[in-house]
Protein backbone atom coordinates (compact mmCIF):
# COMPACT_ATOMS: atom_id res chain seq x y z
CA UNK A 1 15.85 -4.33 -24.60
CA UNK A 2 13.80 -3.42 -27.64
CA UNK A 3 10.17 -2.68 -26.95
CA UNK A 4 7.47 -4.24 -29.09
CA UNK A 5 5.14 -1.64 -30.57
CA UNK A 6 2.04 -0.85 -28.55
CA UNK A 7 -0.95 -2.58 -30.05
CA UNK A 8 -3.38 -0.49 -32.04
CA UNK A 9 -6.72 0.54 -30.54
CA UNK A 10 -9.16 -2.24 -31.41
CA UNK A 11 -12.18 -0.04 -30.92
CA UNK A 12 -13.36 -1.81 -27.77
CA UNK A 13 -11.81 0.70 -25.39
CA UNK A 14 -9.00 -1.56 -24.17
CA UNK A 15 -6.29 1.04 -24.80
CA UNK A 16 -7.81 3.72 -22.58
CA UNK A 17 -7.41 4.64 -18.92
CA UNK A 18 -9.31 3.27 -15.96
CA UNK A 19 -9.81 -0.07 -14.34
CA UNK A 20 -11.63 -2.91 -16.02
CA UNK A 21 -15.31 -3.49 -15.34
CA UNK A 22 -14.57 -6.29 -12.89
CA UNK A 23 -11.88 -4.40 -11.00
CA UNK A 24 -9.35 -7.26 -11.13
CA UNK A 25 -5.78 -6.11 -11.68
CA UNK A 26 -3.97 -9.26 -12.81
CA UNK A 27 -3.82 -13.00 -12.49
CA UNK A 28 -2.43 -12.95 -8.93
CA UNK A 29 -4.06 -9.99 -7.27
CA UNK A 30 -3.89 -8.32 -3.91
CA UNK A 31 -7.67 -8.45 -3.95
CA UNK A 32 -7.53 -12.23 -3.82
CA UNK A 33 -5.08 -11.98 -0.92
CA UNK A 34 -7.47 -9.65 0.89
CA UNK A 35 -10.38 -12.00 0.40
CA UNK A 36 -8.33 -14.93 1.67
CA UNK A 37 -7.23 -12.86 4.66
CA UNK A 38 -10.84 -12.02 5.45
CA UNK A 39 -11.70 -15.70 5.44
CA UNK A 40 -8.84 -16.53 7.80
CA UNK A 41 -9.72 -13.74 10.23
CA UNK A 42 -13.37 -14.75 10.27
CA UNK A 43 -12.41 -18.24 11.42
CA UNK A 44 -10.51 -17.00 14.49
CA UNK A 45 -12.21 -17.09 17.90
CA UNK A 46 -15.86 -17.77 17.29
CA UNK A 47 -15.45 -20.15 14.34
CA UNK A 48 -16.79 -19.82 10.83
CA UNK A 49 -20.55 -19.39 10.66
CA UNK A 50 -21.06 -19.42 14.46
CA UNK A 51 -23.22 -16.76 16.17
CA UNK A 52 -21.26 -13.94 17.75
CA UNK A 53 -22.31 -11.17 20.12
CA UNK A 54 -21.11 -7.93 18.57
CA UNK A 55 -21.51 -6.02 21.82
CA UNK A 56 -25.15 -5.14 21.27
CA UNK A 57 -26.56 -8.31 22.81
CA UNK A 58 -27.65 -9.61 19.43
CA UNK A 59 -26.19 -12.76 17.89
CA UNK A 60 -24.60 -12.07 14.49
CA UNK A 61 -23.47 -14.69 11.97
CA UNK A 62 -19.71 -14.58 11.38
CA UNK A 63 -18.12 -16.10 8.30
CA UNK A 64 -16.18 -15.36 5.17
CA UNK A 65 -19.07 -14.40 2.89
CA UNK A 66 -19.78 -11.08 4.63
CA UNK A 67 -16.21 -9.78 4.43
CA UNK A 68 -15.57 -11.25 1.00
CA UNK A 69 -18.80 -9.82 -0.37
CA UNK A 70 -17.99 -6.37 1.00
CA UNK A 71 -14.55 -6.32 -0.61
CA UNK A 72 -15.92 -7.60 -3.91
CA UNK A 73 -18.68 -4.97 -3.85
CA UNK A 74 -16.32 -2.06 -3.15
CA UNK A 75 -13.94 -3.31 -5.86
CA UNK A 76 -16.69 -3.60 -8.46
CA UNK A 77 -18.38 -0.30 -7.53
CA UNK A 78 -15.06 1.58 -7.70
CA UNK A 79 -14.11 -0.03 -11.01
CA UNK A 80 -17.47 0.88 -12.54
CA UNK A 81 -17.21 4.51 -11.41
CA UNK A 82 -13.60 4.87 -12.59
CA UNK A 83 -14.61 3.40 -15.94
CA UNK A 84 -17.46 5.92 -16.24
CA UNK A 85 -15.19 8.85 -15.32
CA UNK A 86 -12.04 8.00 -17.28
CA UNK A 87 -12.91 5.09 -19.56
CA UNK A 88 -12.79 7.15 -22.76
CA UNK A 89 -9.50 8.92 -21.95
CA UNK A 90 -6.66 7.93 -24.34
CA UNK A 91 -3.48 6.66 -22.72
CA UNK A 92 -0.62 9.15 -23.09
CA UNK A 93 2.98 8.02 -23.67
CA UNK A 94 4.97 7.61 -20.44
CA UNK A 95 8.54 6.85 -19.43
CA UNK A 96 9.40 3.45 -18.00
CA UNK A 97 9.85 5.05 -14.56
CA UNK A 98 8.33 8.35 -13.43
CA UNK A 99 8.78 10.05 -10.06
CA UNK A 100 5.25 11.31 -9.49
CA UNK A 101 5.46 12.52 -5.90
CA UNK A 102 8.09 13.49 -3.35
CA UNK A 103 8.48 15.99 -0.52
CA UNK A 104 10.60 19.03 -1.49
CA UNK A 105 11.41 19.52 2.21
CA UNK A 106 12.43 15.90 2.70
CA UNK A 107 16.09 16.69 3.38
CA UNK A 108 15.26 19.18 6.14
CA UNK A 109 12.82 16.73 7.76
CA UNK A 110 15.29 13.88 7.48
CA UNK A 111 18.05 15.92 9.12
CA UNK A 112 15.72 16.94 11.94
CA UNK A 113 14.81 13.30 12.45
CA UNK A 114 18.51 12.39 12.63
CA UNK A 115 19.04 14.99 15.36
CA UNK A 116 15.84 14.32 17.31
CA UNK A 117 16.91 11.39 19.53
CA UNK A 118 20.23 13.11 20.31
CA UNK A 119 18.65 16.46 21.27
CA UNK A 120 16.36 17.97 23.89
CA UNK A 121 14.66 20.29 21.37
CA UNK A 122 11.13 19.78 20.02
CA UNK A 123 10.94 18.76 16.38
CA UNK A 124 9.60 22.09 15.12
CA UNK A 125 12.62 23.85 16.62
CA UNK A 126 15.03 21.32 15.14
CA UNK A 127 13.43 21.84 11.72
CA UNK A 128 13.97 25.57 12.04
CA UNK A 129 17.60 25.05 12.99
CA UNK A 130 18.51 22.56 10.26
CA UNK A 131 17.07 24.89 7.59
CA UNK A 132 19.94 27.25 8.43
CA UNK A 133 22.68 24.65 8.09
CA UNK A 134 25.23 24.89 5.31
CA UNK A 135 25.94 22.18 2.76
CA UNK A 136 28.99 20.84 4.60
CA UNK A 137 27.11 20.58 7.89
CA UNK A 138 24.23 18.75 6.22
CA UNK A 139 26.52 16.26 4.52
CA UNK A 140 28.43 15.68 7.76
CA UNK A 141 25.24 14.88 9.66
CA UNK A 142 24.07 12.36 7.11
CA UNK A 143 27.49 10.76 6.80
CA UNK A 144 27.79 10.42 10.58
CA UNK A 145 24.34 8.86 10.80
CA UNK A 146 24.78 6.41 7.92
CA UNK A 147 28.32 5.48 8.93
CA UNK A 148 30.62 3.08 7.12
CA UNK A 149 28.44 0.51 5.35
CA UNK A 150 30.77 -2.38 4.60
CA UNK A 151 27.98 -4.32 2.88
CA UNK A 152 24.40 -3.70 1.83
CA UNK A 153 23.04 -5.42 4.95
CA UNK A 154 24.33 -2.57 7.09
CA UNK A 155 21.21 -0.39 7.15
CA UNK A 156 21.02 3.17 8.51
CA UNK A 157 18.64 4.08 11.34
CA UNK A 158 14.94 4.89 11.33
CA UNK A 159 15.41 8.62 10.71
CA UNK A 160 15.98 7.81 7.02
CA UNK A 161 12.31 6.77 6.86
CA UNK A 162 11.30 10.44 7.10
CA UNK A 163 11.31 10.96 3.31
CA UNK A 164 8.82 9.32 0.92
CA UNK A 165 8.77 8.76 -2.84
CA UNK A 166 6.09 7.54 -5.23
CA UNK A 167 7.00 6.07 -8.63
CA UNK A 168 4.81 5.10 -11.58
CA UNK A 169 6.47 2.20 -13.42
CA UNK A 170 5.79 0.59 -16.80
CA UNK A 171 7.91 -2.56 -16.98
CA UNK A 172 7.52 -6.12 -18.16
CA UNK A 173 5.45 -8.42 -15.98
CA UNK A 174 8.47 -10.48 -14.96
CA UNK A 175 10.18 -7.42 -13.44
CA UNK A 176 6.95 -6.48 -11.66
CA UNK A 177 6.71 -9.90 -10.03
CA UNK A 178 10.15 -9.43 -8.47
CA UNK A 179 9.39 -5.87 -7.33
CA UNK A 180 6.09 -7.09 -5.90
CA UNK A 181 7.96 -9.37 -3.48
CA UNK A 182 9.03 -6.38 -1.34
CA UNK A 183 6.77 -5.89 1.66
CA UNK A 184 7.97 -2.64 3.29
CA UNK A 185 6.28 -0.48 0.69
CA UNK A 186 2.95 0.22 -0.96
CA UNK A 187 2.50 -1.32 -4.41
CA UNK A 188 -0.64 -1.35 -6.55
CA UNK A 189 -1.00 -2.42 -10.14
CA UNK A 190 -3.27 -2.33 -13.15
CA UNK A 191 -4.66 -5.21 -15.16
CA UNK A 192 -2.15 -7.35 -17.05
CA UNK A 193 -2.95 -7.17 -20.78
CA UNK A 194 -0.93 -7.20 -24.04
CA UNK A 195 -1.93 -3.59 -24.71
CA UNK A 196 1.29 -1.88 -23.51
CA UNK A 197 3.51 -3.89 -25.82
CA UNK A 198 6.38 -6.12 -24.77
CA UNK A 199 10.11 -6.01 -24.12
CA UNK A 200 12.44 -8.02 -26.37
CA UNK A 201 15.78 -8.74 -24.61
CA UNK A 202 18.95 -7.76 -26.42
CA UNK A 203 20.25 -11.31 -26.05
CA UNK A 204 17.30 -12.54 -28.13
CA UNK A 205 18.27 -10.16 -30.91
CA UNK A 206 21.92 -11.21 -30.70
CA UNK A 207 20.89 -14.85 -30.95
CA UNK A 208 19.06 -14.07 -34.20
CA UNK A 209 15.67 -15.32 -32.99
CA UNK A 210 13.84 -12.01 -32.73
CA UNK A 211 11.27 -13.20 -35.27
CA UNK A 212 10.51 -16.34 -33.27
CA UNK A 213 10.21 -14.26 -30.11
CA UNK A 214 7.77 -11.84 -31.77
CA UNK A 215 5.69 -14.73 -33.08
CA UNK A 216 5.41 -16.17 -29.57
CA UNK A 217 4.28 -12.78 -28.27
CA UNK A 218 1.62 -12.55 -30.95
CA UNK A 219 0.31 -16.00 -30.02
CA UNK A 220 0.10 -14.89 -26.41
CA UNK A 221 -1.83 -11.76 -27.39
CA UNK A 222 -4.17 -13.74 -29.66
CA UNK A 223 -5.02 -16.16 -26.85
CA UNK A 224 -5.73 -13.22 -24.54
CA UNK A 225 -8.08 -11.73 -27.14
CA UNK A 226 -9.85 -15.06 -27.60
CA UNK A 227 -10.44 -15.42 -23.86
CA UNK A 228 -11.12 -11.84 -22.85
CA UNK A 229 -14.77 -11.43 -23.85
CA UNK A 230 -15.99 -14.57 -22.10
CA UNK A 231 -13.36 -14.93 -19.37
CA UNK A 232 -12.07 -11.43 -18.52
CA UNK A 233 -10.64 -12.46 -15.15
CA UNK A 234 -8.77 -15.47 -16.51
CA UNK A 235 -7.51 -13.95 -19.79
CA UNK A 236 -4.46 -12.42 -18.09
CA UNK A 237 -3.03 -15.89 -17.53
CA UNK A 238 -2.44 -16.08 -21.29
CA UNK A 239 -0.19 -12.99 -21.29
CA UNK A 240 3.55 -13.64 -21.53
CA UNK A 241 5.80 -12.22 -18.81
CA UNK A 242 7.57 -10.12 -21.47
CA UNK A 243 4.48 -7.93 -21.86
CA UNK A 244 4.52 -4.68 -19.97
CA UNK A 245 2.18 -3.59 -17.20
CA UNK A 246 1.82 -0.44 -15.14
CA UNK A 247 2.18 -0.29 -11.36
CA UNK A 248 2.91 2.28 -8.67
CA UNK A 249 5.38 1.92 -5.80
CA UNK A 250 5.58 4.17 -2.74
CA UNK A 251 8.32 3.83 -0.14
CA UNK A 252 10.61 5.75 2.17
CA UNK A 253 14.34 6.31 1.74
CA UNK A 254 15.32 3.51 4.13
CA UNK A 255 13.35 0.98 2.12
CA UNK A 256 14.78 2.51 -1.06
CA UNK A 257 18.28 1.64 0.15
CA UNK A 258 17.29 -1.99 0.68
CA UNK A 259 15.28 -2.32 -2.53
CA UNK A 260 17.63 -0.53 -4.92
CA UNK A 261 20.88 -2.08 -3.70
CA UNK A 262 19.32 -5.55 -3.89
CA UNK A 263 17.59 -5.11 -7.24
CA UNK A 264 20.62 -3.50 -8.91
CA UNK A 265 22.94 -6.41 -8.09
CA UNK A 266 24.69 -8.16 -11.01
CA UNK A 267 22.78 -11.38 -10.30
CA UNK A 268 19.49 -9.58 -10.95
CA UNK A 269 17.50 -9.68 -14.16
CA UNK A 270 18.22 -6.74 -16.52
CA UNK A 271 14.54 -5.75 -16.59
CA UNK A 272 14.21 -4.87 -12.92
CA UNK A 273 17.81 -3.67 -12.72
CA UNK A 274 16.92 -0.93 -15.22
CA UNK A 275 13.97 0.07 -13.03
CA UNK A 276 16.15 0.17 -9.89
CA UNK A 277 18.87 2.25 -11.56
CA UNK A 278 16.35 4.78 -12.89
CA UNK A 279 14.67 5.11 -9.49
CA UNK A 280 18.08 5.78 -7.94
CA UNK A 281 18.83 8.44 -10.55
CA UNK A 282 15.49 10.16 -9.98
CA UNK A 283 15.94 10.24 -6.20
CA UNK A 284 19.27 11.98 -6.71
CA UNK A 285 18.62 14.25 -9.69
CA UNK A 286 14.89 14.97 -9.59
CA UNK A 287 14.11 14.82 -5.85
CA UNK A 288 17.49 16.42 -5.11
CA UNK A 289 18.44 14.10 -2.26
CA UNK A 290 22.03 13.63 -3.38
CA UNK A 291 23.26 12.63 0.08
CA UNK A 292 20.62 9.91 0.42
CA UNK A 293 21.41 8.59 -3.05
CA UNK A 294 25.12 8.64 -2.20
CA UNK A 295 24.42 6.59 0.95
CA UNK A 296 23.40 3.74 -1.37
CA UNK A 297 27.04 2.89 -1.88
CA UNK A 298 26.37 -0.76 -2.77
CA UNK A 299 24.49 0.02 -5.96
CA UNK A 300 25.77 -1.70 -9.12
CA UNK A 301 25.47 0.77 -11.96
CA UNK A 302 27.04 -1.06 -14.90
CA UNK A 303 25.03 -2.04 -18.01
CA UNK A 304 22.40 -4.55 -16.79
CA UNK A 305 22.73 -7.02 -19.68
CA UNK A 306 26.54 -7.28 -19.47
CA UNK A 307 26.65 -7.50 -15.69
CA UNK A 308 24.11 -10.35 -15.64
CA UNK A 309 26.11 -12.25 -18.26
CA UNK A 310 29.38 -11.79 -16.36
CA UNK A 311 27.71 -12.90 -13.11
CA UNK A 312 26.45 -16.08 -14.77
CA UNK A 313 29.93 -16.78 -16.16
CA UNK A 314 31.47 -16.47 -12.68
CA UNK A 315 28.82 -18.79 -11.23
CA UNK A 316 29.52 -21.34 -13.98
CA UNK A 317 33.25 -21.14 -13.28
CA UNK A 318 32.65 -21.80 -9.57
CA UNK A 319 30.50 -24.84 -10.38
CA UNK A 320 33.28 -26.17 -12.60
CA UNK A 321 35.81 -25.88 -9.76
CA UNK A 322 33.64 -27.77 -7.25
């Protein structure tokens, strides 16, 4: 899609790095989940607010405020310090998806992990041996371990978890919400604001309503600005899902197979399909794990917009036949 231009610096520091002063990252935050989890855990066993012997013979009050207050305090203290350290740093341009960390020895470690349960050798010795293997031997090992995957639900074994990747992503909020649904990974995100611009779908342009779309985005941004000074935590609810936000995802190769094959499917939204396809490319070309990328043989790599449209047409045809 076509990206809306990033908004100009308003002079209040909103287009600079660092967390906000309150530490909240968006309208539906993991922090809120943590606080809710603390409340639930506190109610187990002794009951909320009931005295509890902590092992020192002294009765201690147990209840949600203590855990919730601690999490809120650490969040606020960290946000304040990050703001002091990096709050005046201008935001540099960045690609939609960046591979920011991976293990250059991942293939050797993965191969050793494949061999481990079938060998009597210690892992350090297996690592030394697999470093001497040729290309054909390496490919053969991975192919034997992955096997014939007739559909994307046929997952390889746990040895594929030996390699890790970390990606910094700048996508629209709608794509983030779908990526956020995955649980077998680490995902953290920054505050949702209009400051990174928005994504205008190609279909909007083709329909000739780009101007109407842009006007709606401007209204969303104006409402955010009107709310932000007095209600900084609630202002993000005014931001349209087409606006972009930044988040980081960290996962191993086994989870990558599940995530990327699912999120590249023709039924998926073009926004997160673009993210999935770029992550797959970076695992292969940048991290150099060609065999792992090739094991994802149920990826759909056609143009996201066209594939989604064709998928919807097929679904409509099936409904007409029923």
